[in-house]
Amino acid sequence: MDNIIAYEISKSNGKSKEQNFKNGLYNVWTMELIAGAFNFGKGTLKDFKAYMENNKQYAYFKIHQ
């Protein structure tokens, strides 16, 4: 998974983001998934950053560098 961009960790489970991450309660976003999920199959990192901004009240995002 060299292509990981970010982990999306739900806030709906009352535990801390670290505990949710440790327990595997997260989604993995890669460039391939981003491309398919946004802009009719032509998603970009810019589209994903807008998604993160629009969903920050529901999820934590842990950016992988």
PDB file of N, CA and C in Angstrom:
ATOM      1  N   MET A   1       0.828  -1.201   0.000  1.00  0.00           N
ATOM      2  CA  MET A   1       0.000   0.000   0.000  1.00  0.00           C
ATOM      3  C   MET A   1       0.865   1.255   0.000  1.00  0.00           C
ATOM      4  N   ASP A   2       1.769   1.340  -0.914  1.00  0.00           N
ATOM      5  CA  ASP A   2       2.648   2.504  -1.005  1.00  0.00           C
ATOM      6  C   ASP A   2       1.893   3.762  -1.411  1.00  0.00           C
ATOM      7  N   ASN A   3       0.687   3.579  -1.901  1.00  0.00           N
ATOM      8  CA  ASN A   3      -0.082   4.654  -2.488  1.00  0.00           C
ATOM      9  C   ASN A   3      -1.075   5.280  -1.496  1.00  0.00           C
ATOM     10  N   ILE A   4      -0.921   5.032  -0.211  1.00  0.00           N
ATOM     11  CA  ILE A   4      -1.881   5.551   0.776  1.00  0.00           C
ATOM     12  C   ILE A   4      -1.730   7.066   0.890  1.00  0.00           C
ATOM     13  N   ILE A   5      -2.863   7.749   0.786  1.00  0.00           N
ATOM     14  CA  ILE A   5      -2.893   9.200   0.940  1.00  0.00           C
ATOM     15  C   ILE A   5      -3.358   9.563   2.344  1.00  0.00           C
ATOM     16  N   ALA A   6      -4.427   8.888   2.819  1.00  0.00           N
ATOM     17  CA  ALA A   6      -4.992   9.253   4.123  1.00  0.00           C
ATOM     18  C   ALA A   6      -5.804   8.100   4.698  1.00  0.00           C
ATOM     19  N   TYR A   7      -5.971   8.160   5.996  1.00  0.00           N
ATOM     20  CA  TYR A   7      -6.878   7.277   6.713  1.00  0.00           C
ATOM     21  C   TYR A   7      -8.045   8.134   7.177  1.00  0.00           C
ATOM     22  N   GLU A   8      -9.255   7.638   6.997  1.00  0.00           N
ATOM     23  CA  GLU A   8     -10.459   8.336   7.438  1.00  0.00           C
ATOM     24  C   GLU A   8     -11.005   7.572   8.639  1.00  0.00           C
ATOM     25  N   ILE A   9     -11.045   8.233   9.797  1.00  0.00           N
ATOM     26  CA  ILE A   9     -11.440   7.596  11.045  1.00  0.00           C
ATOM     27  C   ILE A   9     -12.742   8.220  11.523  1.00  0.00           C
ATOM     28  N   SER A  10     -13.792   7.410  11.622  1.00  0.00           N
ATOM     29  CA  SER A  10     -15.116   7.906  11.989  1.00  0.00           C
ATOM     30  C   SER A  10     -15.143   8.452  13.408  1.00  0.00           C
ATOM     31  N   LYS A  11     -15.879   9.528  13.608  1.00  0.00           N
ATOM     32  CA  LYS A  11     -16.091  10.087  14.943  1.00  0.00           C
ATOM     33  C   LYS A  11     -17.314   9.474  15.622  1.00  0.00           C
ATOM     34  N   SER A  12     -18.087   8.653  14.899  1.00  0.00           N
ATOM     35  CA  SER A  12     -19.339   8.135  15.457  1.00  0.00           C
ATOM     36  C   SER A  12     -19.128   7.115  16.569  1.00  0.00           C
ATOM     37  N   ASN A  13     -17.993   6.453  16.590  1.00  0.00           N
ATOM     38  CA  ASN A  13     -17.663   5.532  17.674  1.00  0.00           C
ATOM     39  C   ASN A  13     -17.054   6.380  18.791  1.00  0.00           C
ATOM     40  N   GLY A  14     -17.601   6.470  19.945  1.00  0.00           N
ATOM     41  CA  GLY A  14     -17.208   7.408  20.984  1.00  0.00           C
ATOM     42  C   GLY A  14     -15.775   7.352  21.470  1.00  0.00           C
ATOM     43  N   LYS A  15     -14.961   6.431  20.951  1.00  0.00           N
ATOM     44  CA  LYS A  15     -13.580   6.299  21.409  1.00  0.00           C
ATOM     45  C   LYS A  15     -12.676   7.329  20.734  1.00  0.00           C
ATOM     46  N   SER A  16     -11.458   7.405  21.196  1.00  0.00           N
ATOM     47  CA  SER A  16     -10.492   8.348  20.620  1.00  0.00           C
ATOM     48  C   SER A  16     -10.085   7.898  19.218  1.00  0.00           C
ATOM     49  N   LYS A  17      -9.580   8.832  18.451  1.00  0.00           N
ATOM     50  CA  LYS A  17      -9.161   8.478  17.099  1.00  0.00           C
ATOM     51  C   LYS A  17      -8.012   7.478  17.130  1.00  0.00           C
ATOM     52  N   GLU A  18      -7.139   7.574  18.121  1.00  0.00           N
ATOM     53  CA  GLU A  18      -6.030   6.628  18.224  1.00  0.00           C
ATOM     54  C   GLU A  18      -6.540   5.219  18.499  1.00  0.00           C
ATOM     55  N   GLN A  19      -7.545   5.098  19.381  1.00  0.00           N
ATOM     56  CA  GLN A  19      -8.117   3.791  19.704  1.00  0.00           C
ATOM     57  C   GLN A  19      -8.851   3.211  18.489  1.00  0.00           C
ATOM     58  N   ASN A  20      -9.610   4.051  17.791  1.00  0.00           N
ATOM     59  CA  ASN A  20     -10.304   3.588  16.590  1.00  0.00           C
ATOM     60  C   ASN A  20      -9.307   3.123  15.532  1.00  0.00           C
ATOM     61  N   PHE A  21      -8.213   3.856  15.376  1.00  0.00           N
ATOM     62  CA  PHE A  21      -7.191   3.483  14.404  1.00  0.00           C
ATOM     63  C   PHE A  21      -6.564   2.149  14.810  1.00  0.00           C
ATOM     64  N   LYS A  22      -6.236   2.022  16.064  1.00  0.00           N
ATOM     65  CA  LYS A  22      -5.624   0.780  16.574  1.00  0.00           C
ATOM     66  C   LYS A  22      -6.552  -0.412  16.346  1.00  0.00           C
ATOM     67  N   ASN A  23      -7.863  -0.199  16.488  1.00  0.00           N
ATOM     68  CA  ASN A  23      -8.840  -1.266  16.325  1.00  0.00           C
ATOM     69  C   ASN A  23      -9.259  -1.499  14.873  1.00  0.00           C
ATOM     70  N   GLY A  24      -8.653  -0.779  13.949  1.00  0.00           N
ATOM     71  CA  GLY A  24      -8.941  -0.978  12.533  1.00  0.00           C
ATOM     72  C   GLY A  24     -10.237  -0.340  12.059  1.00  0.00           C
ATOM     73  N   LEU A  25     -10.757   0.629  12.812  1.00  0.00           N
ATOM     74  CA  LEU A  25     -12.008   1.290  12.450  1.00  0.00           C
ATOM     75  C   LEU A  25     -11.720   2.533  11.608  1.00  0.00           C
ATOM     76  N   TYR A  26     -11.266   2.296  10.387  1.00  0.00           N
ATOM     77  CA  TYR A  26     -10.918   3.403   9.503  1.00  0.00           C
ATOM     78  C   TYR A  26     -11.031   2.961   8.052  1.00  0.00           C
ATOM     79  N   ASN A  27     -11.069   3.923   7.170  1.00  0.00           N
ATOM     80  CA  ASN A  27     -11.019   3.691   5.722  1.00  0.00           C
ATOM     81  C   ASN A  27      -9.681   4.179   5.206  1.00  0.00           C
ATOM     82  N   VAL A  28      -9.161   3.504   4.228  1.00  0.00           N
ATOM     83  CA  VAL A  28      -7.903   3.888   3.598  1.00  0.00           C
ATOM     84  C   VAL A  28      -8.215   4.545   2.256  1.00  0.00           C
ATOM     85  N   TRP A  29      -7.635   5.713   2.016  1.00  0.00           N
ATOM     86  CA  TRP A  29      -7.800   6.414   0.747  1.00  0.00           C
ATOM     87  C   TRP A  29      -6.486   6.370  -0.017  1.00  0.00           C
ATOM     88  N   THR A  30      -6.543   5.893  -1.237  1.00  0.00           N
ATOM     89  CA  THR A  30      -5.392   5.880  -2.146  1.00  0.00           C
ATOM     90  C   THR A  30      -5.729   6.766  -3.344  1.00  0.00           C
ATOM     91  N   MET A  31      -4.747   7.071  -4.147  1.00  0.00           N
ATOM     92  CA  MET A  31      -5.010   7.882  -5.342  1.00  0.00           C
ATOM     93  C   MET A  31      -5.962   7.150  -6.287  1.00  0.00           C
ATOM     94  N   GLU A  32      -5.866   5.831  -6.362  1.00  0.00           N
ATOM     95  CA  GLU A  32      -6.774   5.063  -7.216  1.00  0.00           C
ATOM     96  C   GLU A  32      -8.219   5.200  -6.742  1.00  0.00           C
ATOM     97  N   LEU A  33      -8.444   5.099  -5.434  1.00  0.00           N
ATOM     98  CA  LEU A  33      -9.794   5.261  -4.895  1.00  0.00           C
ATOM     99  C   LEU A  33     -10.297   6.688  -5.067  1.00  0.00           C
ATOM    100  N   ILE A  34      -9.426   7.647  -4.840  1.00  0.00           N
ATOM    101  CA  ILE A  34      -9.802   9.056  -5.000  1.00  0.00           C
ATOM    102  C   ILE A  34     -10.213   9.331  -6.436  1.00  0.00           C
ATOM    103  N   ALA A  35      -9.435   8.822  -7.371  1.00  0.00           N
ATOM    104  CA  ALA A  35      -9.754   9.037  -8.786  1.00  0.00           C
ATOM    105  C   ALA A  35     -11.128   8.475  -9.124  1.00  0.00           C
ATOM    106  N   GLY A  36     -11.462   7.306  -8.588  1.00  0.00           N
ATOM    107  CA  GLY A  36     -12.742   6.684  -8.890  1.00  0.00           C
ATOM    108  C   GLY A  36     -13.922   7.260  -8.140  1.00  0.00           C
ATOM    109  N   ALA A  37     -13.666   7.865  -6.989  1.00  0.00           N
ATOM    110  CA  ALA A  37     -14.758   8.319  -6.113  1.00  0.00           C
ATOM    111  C   ALA A  37     -15.247   9.735  -6.408  1.00  0.00           C
ATOM    112  N   PHE A  38     -14.460  10.524  -7.063  1.00  0.00           N
ATOM    113  CA  PHE A  38     -14.806  11.928  -7.262  1.00  0.00           C
ATOM    114  C   PHE A  38     -14.765  12.304  -8.738  1.00  0.00           C
ATOM    115  N   ASN A  39     -15.504  13.353  -9.057  1.00  0.00           N
ATOM    116  CA  ASN A  39     -15.454  13.982 -10.382  1.00  0.00           C
ATOM    117  C   ASN A  39     -15.658  12.964 -11.512  1.00  0.00           C
ATOM    118  N   PHE A  40     -16.657  12.105 -11.337  1.00  0.00           N
ATOM    119  CA  PHE A  40     -17.037  11.140 -12.373  1.00  0.00           C
ATOM    120  C   PHE A  40     -15.861  10.291 -12.844  1.00  0.00           C
ATOM    121  N   GLY A  41     -15.073   9.791 -11.871  1.00  0.00           N
ATOM    122  CA  GLY A  41     -13.950   8.916 -12.198  1.00  0.00           C
ATOM    123  C   GLY A  41     -12.660   9.622 -12.532  1.00  0.00           C
ATOM    124  N   LYS A  42     -12.638  10.934 -12.350  1.00  0.00           N
ATOM    125  CA  LYS A  42     -11.428  11.711 -12.635  1.00  0.00           C
ATOM    126  C   LYS A  42     -11.015  12.532 -11.424  1.00  0.00           C
ATOM    127  N   GLY A  43     -11.203  11.954 -10.239  1.00  0.00           N
ATOM    128  CA  GLY A  43     -10.911  12.670  -9.002  1.00  0.00           C
ATOM    129  C   GLY A  43      -9.440  12.973  -8.820  1.00  0.00           C
ATOM    130  N   THR A  44      -9.184  14.069  -8.137  1.00  0.00           N
ATOM    131  CA  THR A  44      -7.820  14.514  -7.871  1.00  0.00           C
ATOM    132  C   THR A  44      -7.636  14.717  -6.365  1.00  0.00           C
ATOM    133  N   LEU A  45      -6.415  14.975  -5.972  1.00  0.00           N
ATOM    134  CA  LEU A  45      -6.131  15.263  -4.573  1.00  0.00           C
ATOM    135  C   LEU A  45      -6.891  16.504  -4.119  1.00  0.00           C
ATOM    136  N   LYS A  46      -7.081  17.462  -5.000  1.00  0.00           N
ATOM    137  CA  LYS A  46      -7.861  18.663  -4.690  1.00  0.00           C
ATOM    138  C   LYS A  46      -9.302  18.288  -4.335  1.00  0.00           C
ATOM    139  N   ASP A  47      -9.894  17.364  -5.087  1.00  0.00           N
ATOM    140  CA  ASP A  47     -11.248  16.888  -4.787  1.00  0.00           C
ATOM    141  C   ASP A  47     -11.293  16.221  -3.414  1.00  0.00           C
ATOM    142  N   PHE A  48     -10.278  15.422  -3.110  1.00  0.00           N
ATOM    143  CA  PHE A  48     -10.235  14.738  -1.822  1.00  0.00           C
ATOM    144  C   PHE A  48     -10.071  15.728  -0.673  1.00  0.00           C
ATOM    145  N   LYS A  49      -9.255  16.743  -0.858  1.00  0.00           N
ATOM    146  CA  LYS A  49      -9.085  17.751   0.188  1.00  0.00           C
ATOM    147  C   LYS A  49     -10.399  18.486   0.459  1.00  0.00           C
ATOM    148  N   ALA A  50     -11.186  18.738  -0.581  1.00  0.00           N
ATOM    149  CA  ALA A  50     -12.510  19.347  -0.392  1.00  0.00           C
ATOM    150  C   ALA A  50     -13.412  18.381   0.382  1.00  0.00           C
ATOM    151  N   TYR A  51     -13.346  17.094   0.070  1.00  0.00           N
ATOM    152  CA  TYR A  51     -14.109  16.072   0.789  1.00  0.00           C
ATOM    153  C   TYR A  51     -13.721  16.067   2.274  1.00  0.00           C
ATOM    154  N   MET A  52     -12.426  16.126   2.550  1.00  0.00           N
ATOM    155  CA  MET A  52     -11.973  16.147   3.951  1.00  0.00           C
ATOM    156  C   MET A  52     -12.534  17.370   4.666  1.00  0.00           C
ATOM    157  N   GLU A  53     -12.471  18.509   4.046  1.00  0.00           N
ATOM    158  CA  GLU A  53     -12.975  19.744   4.651  1.00  0.00           C
ATOM    159  C   GLU A  53     -14.478  19.643   4.913  1.00  0.00           C
ATOM    160  N   ASN A  54     -15.214  19.100   3.973  1.00  0.00           N
ATOM    161  CA  ASN A  54     -16.667  18.981   4.105  1.00  0.00           C
ATOM    162  C   ASN A  54     -17.107  17.924   5.111  1.00  0.00           C
ATOM    163  N   ASN A  55     -16.218  17.014   5.483  1.00  0.00           N
ATOM    164  CA  ASN A  55     -16.580  15.917   6.379  1.00  0.00           C
ATOM    165  C   ASN A  55     -15.827  15.918   7.704  1.00  0.00           C
ATOM    166  N   LYS A  56     -15.152  17.014   8.014  1.00  0.00           N
ATOM    167  CA  LYS A  56     -14.364  17.038   9.246  1.00  0.00           C
ATOM    168  C   LYS A  56     -15.220  16.949  10.504  1.00  0.00           C
ATOM    169  N   GLN A  57     -16.515  17.239  10.428  1.00  0.00           N
ATOM    170  CA  GLN A  57     -17.370  17.101  11.603  1.00  0.00           C
ATOM    171  C   GLN A  57     -17.738  15.634  11.848  1.00  0.00           C
ATOM    172  N   TYR A  58     -17.542  14.768  10.850  1.00  0.00           N
ATOM    173  CA  TYR A  58     -17.901  13.356  10.958  1.00  0.00           C
ATOM    174  C   TYR A  58     -16.707  12.424  11.102  1.00  0.00           C
ATOM    175  N   ALA A  59     -15.538  12.876  10.665  1.00  0.00           N
ATOM    176  CA  ALA A  59     -14.383  11.977  10.641  1.00  0.00           C
ATOM    177  C   ALA A  59     -13.092  12.748  10.869  1.00  0.00           C
ATOM    178  N   TYR A  60     -12.130  12.021  11.420  1.00  0.00           N
ATOM    179  CA  TYR A  60     -10.758  12.519  11.514  1.00  0.00           C
ATOM    180  C   TYR A  60     -10.042  12.023  10.268  1.00  0.00           C
ATOM    181  N   PHE A  61      -9.110  12.783   9.783  1.00  0.00           N
ATOM    182  CA  PHE A  61      -8.307  12.355   8.648  1.00  0.00           C
ATOM    183  C   PHE A  61      -6.850  12.373   9.084  1.00  0.00           C
ATOM    184  N   LYS A  62      -6.201  11.240   8.925  1.00  0.00           N
ATOM    185  CA  LYS A  62      -4.792  11.101   9.254  1.00  0.00           C
ATOM    186  C   LYS A  62      -4.044  11.002   7.929  1.00  0.00           C
ATOM    187  N   ILE A  63      -3.350  12.056   7.570  1.00  0.00           N
ATOM    188  CA  ILE A  63      -2.648  12.118   6.287  1.00  0.00           C
ATOM    189  C   ILE A  63      -1.362  11.305   6.381  1.00  0.00           C
ATOM    190  N   HIS A  64      -1.143  10.494   5.370  1.00  0.00           N
ATOM    191  CA  HIS A  64       0.057   9.664   5.292  1.00  0.00           C
ATOM    192  C   HIS A  64       1.058  10.345   4.368  1.00  0.00           C
ATOM    193  N   GLN A  65       2.257  10.541   4.842  1.00  0.00           N
ATOM    194  CA  GLN A  65       3.259  11.225   4.030  1.00  0.00           C
ATOM    195  C   GLN A  65       4.407  10.298   3.731  1.00  0.00           C
TER     196      GLN A  65
END
